[in-house]
C-alpha atoms as a PDB file:
ATOM      1  CA  MET A   1       8.651  42.285 -46.374  1.00  0.00           C
ATOM      2  CA  ASN A   2      10.320  40.932 -42.928  1.00  0.00           C
ATOM      3  CA  TYR A   3       8.852  42.363 -39.556  1.00  0.00           C
ATOM      4  CA  THR A   4       9.671  41.104 -36.373  1.00  0.00           C
ATOM      5  CA  GLU A   5       7.916  43.003 -33.654  1.00  0.00           C
ATOM      6  CA  LEU A   6       9.270  44.843 -30.703  1.00  0.00           C
ATOM      7  CA  SER A   7      10.656  42.946 -27.996  1.00  0.00           C
ATOM      8  CA  ILE A   8      10.343  43.395 -24.054  1.00  0.00           C
ATOM      9  CA  GLU A   9      13.669  45.572 -24.148  1.00  0.00           C
ATOM     10  CA  GLU A  10      12.414  48.253 -27.312  1.00  0.00           C
ATOM     11  CA  ARG A  11       9.278  49.149 -25.403  1.00  0.00           C
ATOM     12  CA  ALA A  12      11.287  49.733 -22.451  1.00  0.00           C
ATOM     13  CA  THR A  13      13.352  52.124 -24.392  1.00  0.00           C
ATOM     14  CA  LEU A  14      10.206  53.736 -26.083  1.00  0.00           C
ATOM     15  CA  GLN A  15       8.757  54.346 -22.763  1.00  0.00           C
ATOM     16  CA  ILE A  16      11.983  55.620 -21.387  1.00  0.00           C
ATOM     17  CA  GLY A  17      12.529  57.885 -24.654  1.00  0.00           C
ATOM     18  CA  LEU A  18       8.787  59.500 -24.682  1.00  0.00           C
ATOM     19  CA  SER A  19       9.437  60.211 -20.738  1.00  0.00           C
ATOM     20  CA  HIS A  20      12.622  61.704 -21.650  1.00  0.00           C
ATOM     21  CA  SER A  21      10.196  63.609 -24.853  1.00  0.00           C
ATOM     22  CA  LEU A  22      12.647  62.730 -27.306  1.00  0.00           C
ATOM     23  CA  SER A  23      11.216  63.052 -30.621  1.00  0.00           C
ATOM     24  CA  LEU A  24       9.997  59.477 -32.379  1.00  0.00           C
ATOM     25  CA  ARG A  25      12.755  59.678 -34.552  1.00  0.00           C
ATOM     26  CA  ALA A  26      15.952  59.913 -32.150  1.00  0.00           C
ATOM     27  CA  ILE A  27      13.671  56.904 -30.678  1.00  0.00           C
ATOM     28  CA  ALA A  28      13.196  55.250 -33.800  1.00  0.00           C
ATOM     29  CA  ARG A  29      17.425  55.787 -34.154  1.00  0.00           C
ATOM     30  CA  LEU A  30      18.148  54.895 -31.030  1.00  0.00           C
ATOM     31  CA  ILE A  31      16.301  51.309 -31.313  1.00  0.00           C
ATOM     32  CA  LYS A  32      17.418  51.013 -35.503  1.00  0.00           C
ATOM     33  CA  ARG A  33      13.484  50.867 -35.665  1.00  0.00           C
ATOM     34  CA  SER A  34      11.562  53.211 -39.071  1.00  0.00           C
ATOM     35  CA  PRO A  35       9.836  55.956 -37.529  1.00  0.00           C
ATOM     36  CA  SER A  36       6.386  54.821 -38.312  1.00  0.00           C
ATOM     37  CA  THR A  37       6.675  51.955 -36.456  1.00  0.00           C
ATOM     38  CA  ILE A  38       6.826  54.020 -32.889  1.00  0.00           C
ATOM     39  CA  SER A  39       4.692  55.671 -34.039  1.00  0.00           C
ATOM     40  CA  ARG A  40       2.047  52.785 -35.012  1.00  0.00           C
ATOM     41  CA  GLU A  41       3.104  51.346 -31.434  1.00  0.00           C
ATOM     42  CA  ILE A  42       2.686  54.068 -29.777  1.00  0.00           C
ATOM     43  CA  LYS A  43      -0.570  54.711 -31.072  1.00  0.00           C
ATOM     44  CA  ARG A  44      -1.724  50.803 -30.690  1.00  0.00           C
ATOM     45  CA  ASN A  45      -0.470  51.126 -27.023  1.00  0.00           C
ATOM     46  CA  SER A  46      -1.195  54.396 -25.769  1.00  0.00           C
ATOM     47  CA  ASN A  47      -3.537  54.246 -22.299  1.00  0.00           C
ATOM     48  CA  SER A  48      -6.457  56.297 -22.047  1.00  0.00           C
ATOM     49  CA  ALA A  49      -4.495  59.087 -20.614  1.00  0.00           C
ATOM     50  CA  GLY A  50      -2.125  59.095 -24.102  1.00  0.00           C
ATOM     51  CA  GLN A  51       0.737  57.468 -21.759  1.00  0.00           C
ATOM     52  CA  TYR A  52       3.084  54.662 -22.617  1.00  0.00           C
ATOM     53  CA  ILE A  53       3.309  51.699 -20.245  1.00  0.00           C
ATOM     54  CA  ALA A  54       5.623  49.294 -21.814  1.00  0.00           C
ATOM     55  CA  SER A  55       4.304  46.651 -19.783  1.00  0.00           C
ATOM     56  CA  GLN A  56       0.847  46.989 -20.646  1.00  0.00           C
ATOM     57  CA  ALA A  57       2.151  46.850 -24.555  1.00  0.00           C
ATOM     58  CA  GLN A  58       3.497  43.820 -24.001  1.00  0.00           C
ATOM     59  CA  GLN A  59       0.493  42.315 -22.245  1.00  0.00           C
ATOM     60  CA  SER A  60      -1.395  43.652 -24.727  1.00  0.00           C
ATOM     61  CA  ARG A  61       0.930  42.476 -27.552  1.00  0.00           C
ATOM     62  CA  CYS A  62       0.774  39.083 -26.178  1.00  0.00           C
ATOM     63  CA  ARG A  63      -3.049  38.510 -25.437  1.00  0.00           C
ATOM     64  CA  SER A  64      -3.544  39.491 -29.975  1.00  0.00           C
ATOM     65  CA  ARG A  65      -0.968  36.851 -30.828  1.00  0.00           C
ATOM     66  CA  LEU A  66      -3.178  34.257 -28.299  1.00  0.00           C
ATOM     67  CA  LEU A  67      -6.135  35.070 -29.992  1.00  0.00           C
ATOM     68  CA  CYS A  68      -4.712  34.687 -33.713  1.00  0.00           C
ATOM     69  CA  ARG A  69      -3.468  31.654 -33.368  1.00  0.00           C
ATOM     70  CA  PRO A  70      -5.963  28.764 -34.690  1.00  0.00           C
ATOM     71  CA  LYS A  71      -6.857  26.323 -31.739  1.00  0.00           C
ATOM     72  CA  LYS A  72      -6.291  22.491 -31.544  1.00  0.00           C
ATOM     73  CA  LYS A  73      -8.501  20.376 -32.577  1.00  0.00           C
ATOM     74  CA  LEU A  74      -7.281  17.081 -30.102  1.00  0.00           C
ATOM     75  CA  GLU A  75      -6.831  19.122 -26.615  1.00  0.00           C
ATOM     76  CA  PHE A  76      -6.190  16.494 -23.859  1.00  0.00           C
ATOM     77  CA  ASP A  77      -9.053  16.664 -21.520  1.00  0.00           C
ATOM     78  CA  SER A  78     -11.228  16.960 -24.478  1.00  0.00           C
ATOM     79  CA  GLU A  79     -13.884  14.585 -25.598  1.00  0.00           C
ATOM     80  CA  LEU A  80     -12.485  13.530 -28.784  1.00  0.00           C
ATOM     81  CA  PHE A  81      -8.824  12.934 -27.112  1.00  0.00           C
ATOM     82  CA  GLU A  82     -10.177  10.466 -25.213  1.00  0.00           C
ATOM     83  CA  LEU A  83     -12.243   8.773 -27.938  1.00  0.00           C
ATOM     84  CA  VAL A  84      -9.139   8.156 -29.775  1.00  0.00           C
ATOM     85  CA  ALA A  85      -6.759   7.124 -26.508  1.00  0.00           C
ATOM     86  CA  TYR A  86      -9.912   4.846 -26.824  1.00  0.00           C
ATOM     87  CA  MET A  87      -9.375   3.465 -30.293  1.00  0.00           C
ATOM     88  CA  LEU A  88      -5.392   3.192 -29.930  1.00  0.00           C
ATOM     89  CA  ARG A  89      -5.246   1.027 -26.816  1.00  0.00           C
ATOM     90  CA  HIS A  90      -8.089  -1.490 -28.731  1.00  0.00           C
ATOM     91  CA  LYS A  91      -5.246  -2.033 -31.393  1.00  0.00           C
ATOM     92  CA  CYS A  92      -6.387   0.132 -33.704  1.00  0.00           C
ATOM     93  CA  SER A  93      -3.802   2.585 -35.707  1.00  0.00           C
ATOM     94  CA  PRO A  94      -3.907   6.551 -36.286  1.00  0.00           C
ATOM     95  CA  GLN A  95      -4.251   5.962 -39.669  1.00  0.00           C
ATOM     96  CA  GLN A  96      -7.350   3.993 -39.172  1.00  0.00           C
ATOM     97  CA  ILE A  97      -8.569   6.371 -36.946  1.00  0.00           C
ATOM     98  CA  ALA A  98      -7.785   9.048 -38.757  1.00  0.00           C
ATOM     99  CA  GLY A  99      -9.834   7.353 -41.353  1.00  0.00           C
ATOM    100  CA  LYS A 100     -13.180   6.395 -39.996  1.00  0.00           C
ATOM    101  CA  LEU A 101     -13.783   9.486 -37.459  1.00  0.00           C
ATOM    102  CA  ARG A 102     -14.337  10.624 -41.258  1.00  0.00           C
ATOM    103  CA  THR A 103     -17.620   8.544 -41.803  1.00  0.00           C
ATOM    104  CA  MET A 104     -18.376   8.066 -38.240  1.00  0.00           C
ATOM    105  CA  ASN A 105     -21.867  10.018 -37.923  1.00  0.00           C
ATOM    106  CA  ILE A 106     -22.587  10.836 -34.037  1.00  0.00           C
ATOM    107  CA  PRO A 107     -25.050  13.683 -33.257  1.00  0.00           C
ATOM    108  CA  GLY A 108     -23.010  16.237 -31.988  1.00  0.00           C
ATOM    109  CA  TYR A 109     -19.548  15.309 -34.104  1.00  0.00           C
ATOM    110  CA  GLU A 110     -20.103  15.995 -37.604  1.00  0.00           C
ATOM    111  CA  ARG A 111     -16.476  17.763 -36.763  1.00  0.00           C
ATOM    112  CA  THR A 112     -14.515  15.178 -35.761  1.00  0.00           C
ATOM    113  CA  TYR A 113     -12.237  14.652 -38.180  1.00  0.00           C
ATOM    114  CA  VAL A 114      -8.183  14.657 -37.538  1.00  0.00           C
ATOM    115  CA  CYS A 115      -5.758  13.353 -39.272  1.00  0.00           C
ATOM    116  CA  ARG A 116      -3.426  11.326 -38.417  1.00  0.00           C
ATOM    117  CA  GLU A 117      -0.623  13.385 -38.911  1.00  0.00           C
ATOM    118  CA  THR A 118      -2.279  15.506 -35.499  1.00  0.00           C
ATOM    119  CA  ILE A 119      -3.288  11.808 -33.637  1.00  0.00           C
ATOM    120  CA  TYR A 120       0.972  11.110 -33.635  1.00  0.00           C
ATOM    121  CA  SER A 121       1.237  15.015 -32.743  1.00  0.00           C
ATOM    122  CA  ALA A 122      -0.552  14.783 -30.152  1.00  0.00           C
ATOM    123  CA  ILE A 123       0.107  11.951 -28.435  1.00  0.00           C
ATOM    124  CA  TYR A 124       3.653  12.944 -28.825  1.00  0.00           C
ATOM    125  CA  ALA A 125       3.159  16.185 -27.212  1.00  0.00           C
ATOM    126  CA  LEU A 126       1.736  14.536 -23.980  1.00  0.00           C
ATOM    127  CA  PRO A 127       4.108  15.242 -20.768  1.00  0.00           C
ATOM    128  CA  VAL A 128       6.424  11.810 -19.902  1.00  0.00           C
ATOM    129  CA  GLY A 129       4.632  10.137 -17.901  1.00  0.00           C
ATOM    130  CA  GLU A 130       2.267   6.891 -17.987  1.00  0.00           C
ATOM    131  CA  LEU A 131      -0.344   8.091 -20.492  1.00  0.00           C
ATOM    132  CA  ARG A 132       2.336   8.516 -23.119  1.00  0.00           C
ATOM    133  CA  LYS A 133       3.760   5.551 -22.723  1.00  0.00           C
ATOM    134  CA  GLU A 134       1.115   3.565 -23.274  1.00  0.00           C
ATOM    135  CA  LEU A 135      -0.518   5.107 -26.165  1.00  0.00           C
ATOM    136  CA  SER A 136       2.991   5.198 -27.890  1.00  0.00           C
ATOM    137  CA  SER A 137       3.670   2.188 -27.063  1.00  0.00           C
ATOM    138  CA  VAL A 138       0.582   0.764 -28.600  1.00  0.00           C
ATOM    139  CA  PHE A 139       1.827   2.207 -32.376  1.00  0.00           C
ATOM    140  CA  ASP A 140       5.756   1.802 -31.646  1.00  0.00           C
ATOM    141  CA  LYS A 141       5.339  -1.683 -32.189  1.00  0.00           C
ATOM    142  CA  LYS A 142       8.160  -2.014 -35.267  1.00  0.00           C
ATOM    143  CA  LYS A 143       5.268  -1.511 -37.862  1.00  0.00           C
ATOM    144  CA  GLN A 144       3.098  -4.328 -36.020  1.00  0.00           C
ATOM    145  CA  ARG A 145      -0.869  -3.440 -38.244  1.00  0.00           C
ATOM    146  CA  ALA A 146      -3.157  -2.688 -35.681  1.00  0.00           C
ATOM    147  CA  ASP A 147      -6.473  -5.188 -36.418  1.00  0.00           C
ATOM    148  CA  PRO A 148      -9.525  -3.118 -37.691  1.00  0.00           C
ATOM    149  CA  VAL A 149     -11.730  -4.995 -35.349  1.00  0.00           C
ATOM    150  CA  GLN A 150     -15.170  -4.179 -35.896  1.00  0.00           C
ATOM    151  CA  VAL A 151     -16.383  -4.503 -32.528  1.00  0.00           C
ATOM    152  CA  VAL A 152     -13.908  -1.444 -31.255  1.00  0.00           C
ATOM    153  CA  TRP A 153     -16.147   0.552 -33.697  1.00  0.00           C
ATOM    154  CA  ILE A 154     -19.177  -0.097 -32.091  1.00  0.00           C
ATOM    155  CA  ALA A 155     -17.668   0.852 -28.247  1.00  0.00           C
ATOM    156  CA  ALA A 156     -16.060   3.868 -29.876  1.00  0.00           C
ATOM    157  CA  ALA A 157     -19.366   5.037 -31.203  1.00  0.00           C
ATOM    158  CA  LYS A 158     -21.222   4.009 -27.741  1.00  0.00           C
ATOM    159  CA  TYR A 159     -18.356   5.631 -25.624  1.00  0.00           C
ATOM    160  CA  LEU A 160     -19.499   9.011 -27.184  1.00  0.00           C
ATOM    161  CA  THR A 161     -23.590   8.577 -26.279  1.00  0.00           C
END
C-alpha cells in the first residue's frame, strides 16, 4: 500500500472545492485522490463549526508528525552530549565511548547508552563551527587509535556527579 499525505496545494484545492459546494467525488477527481481520502481529511481536520481550513489542517499535520518521530538520544545541549564531547576531547574513540557508557553505573544515568553511529551522527550533524572541527579532528586522524586512559573514565564519572 503506497500512501502519500495531502500537500498544502491539495488541501487548498479541497477548501476551495468545499466553498464552491462541489461533491467529495468531484473534488477527489480534481486532485486525483480517492473520495475516501477526501472524506477522512474533512472529518479529521474540520473545526468545531464544521468548516475545513487548509492552513489549519496543514498545521495539524505538522504537529502530529513531530509527535510521532522518535526523540534524539544525543541532543547538542544535553549532559550526555557534554560527556561524549569530554571523552572525545580526551582522545577516546566513539567505539570506546559507546562501550564505556554501557558499563557505567551512575545514578540517574542508567539509560545513557548510545551506539558509535549515534556519536558519529551527532558530531557530523553539528553546524560548521569550532566545536565540530575540534571534535571531528579528534577521531579523523588516519585510523589513529585513541588511548583508553582509565583517568578519563574516572573524570567523566566525576563530571556527571
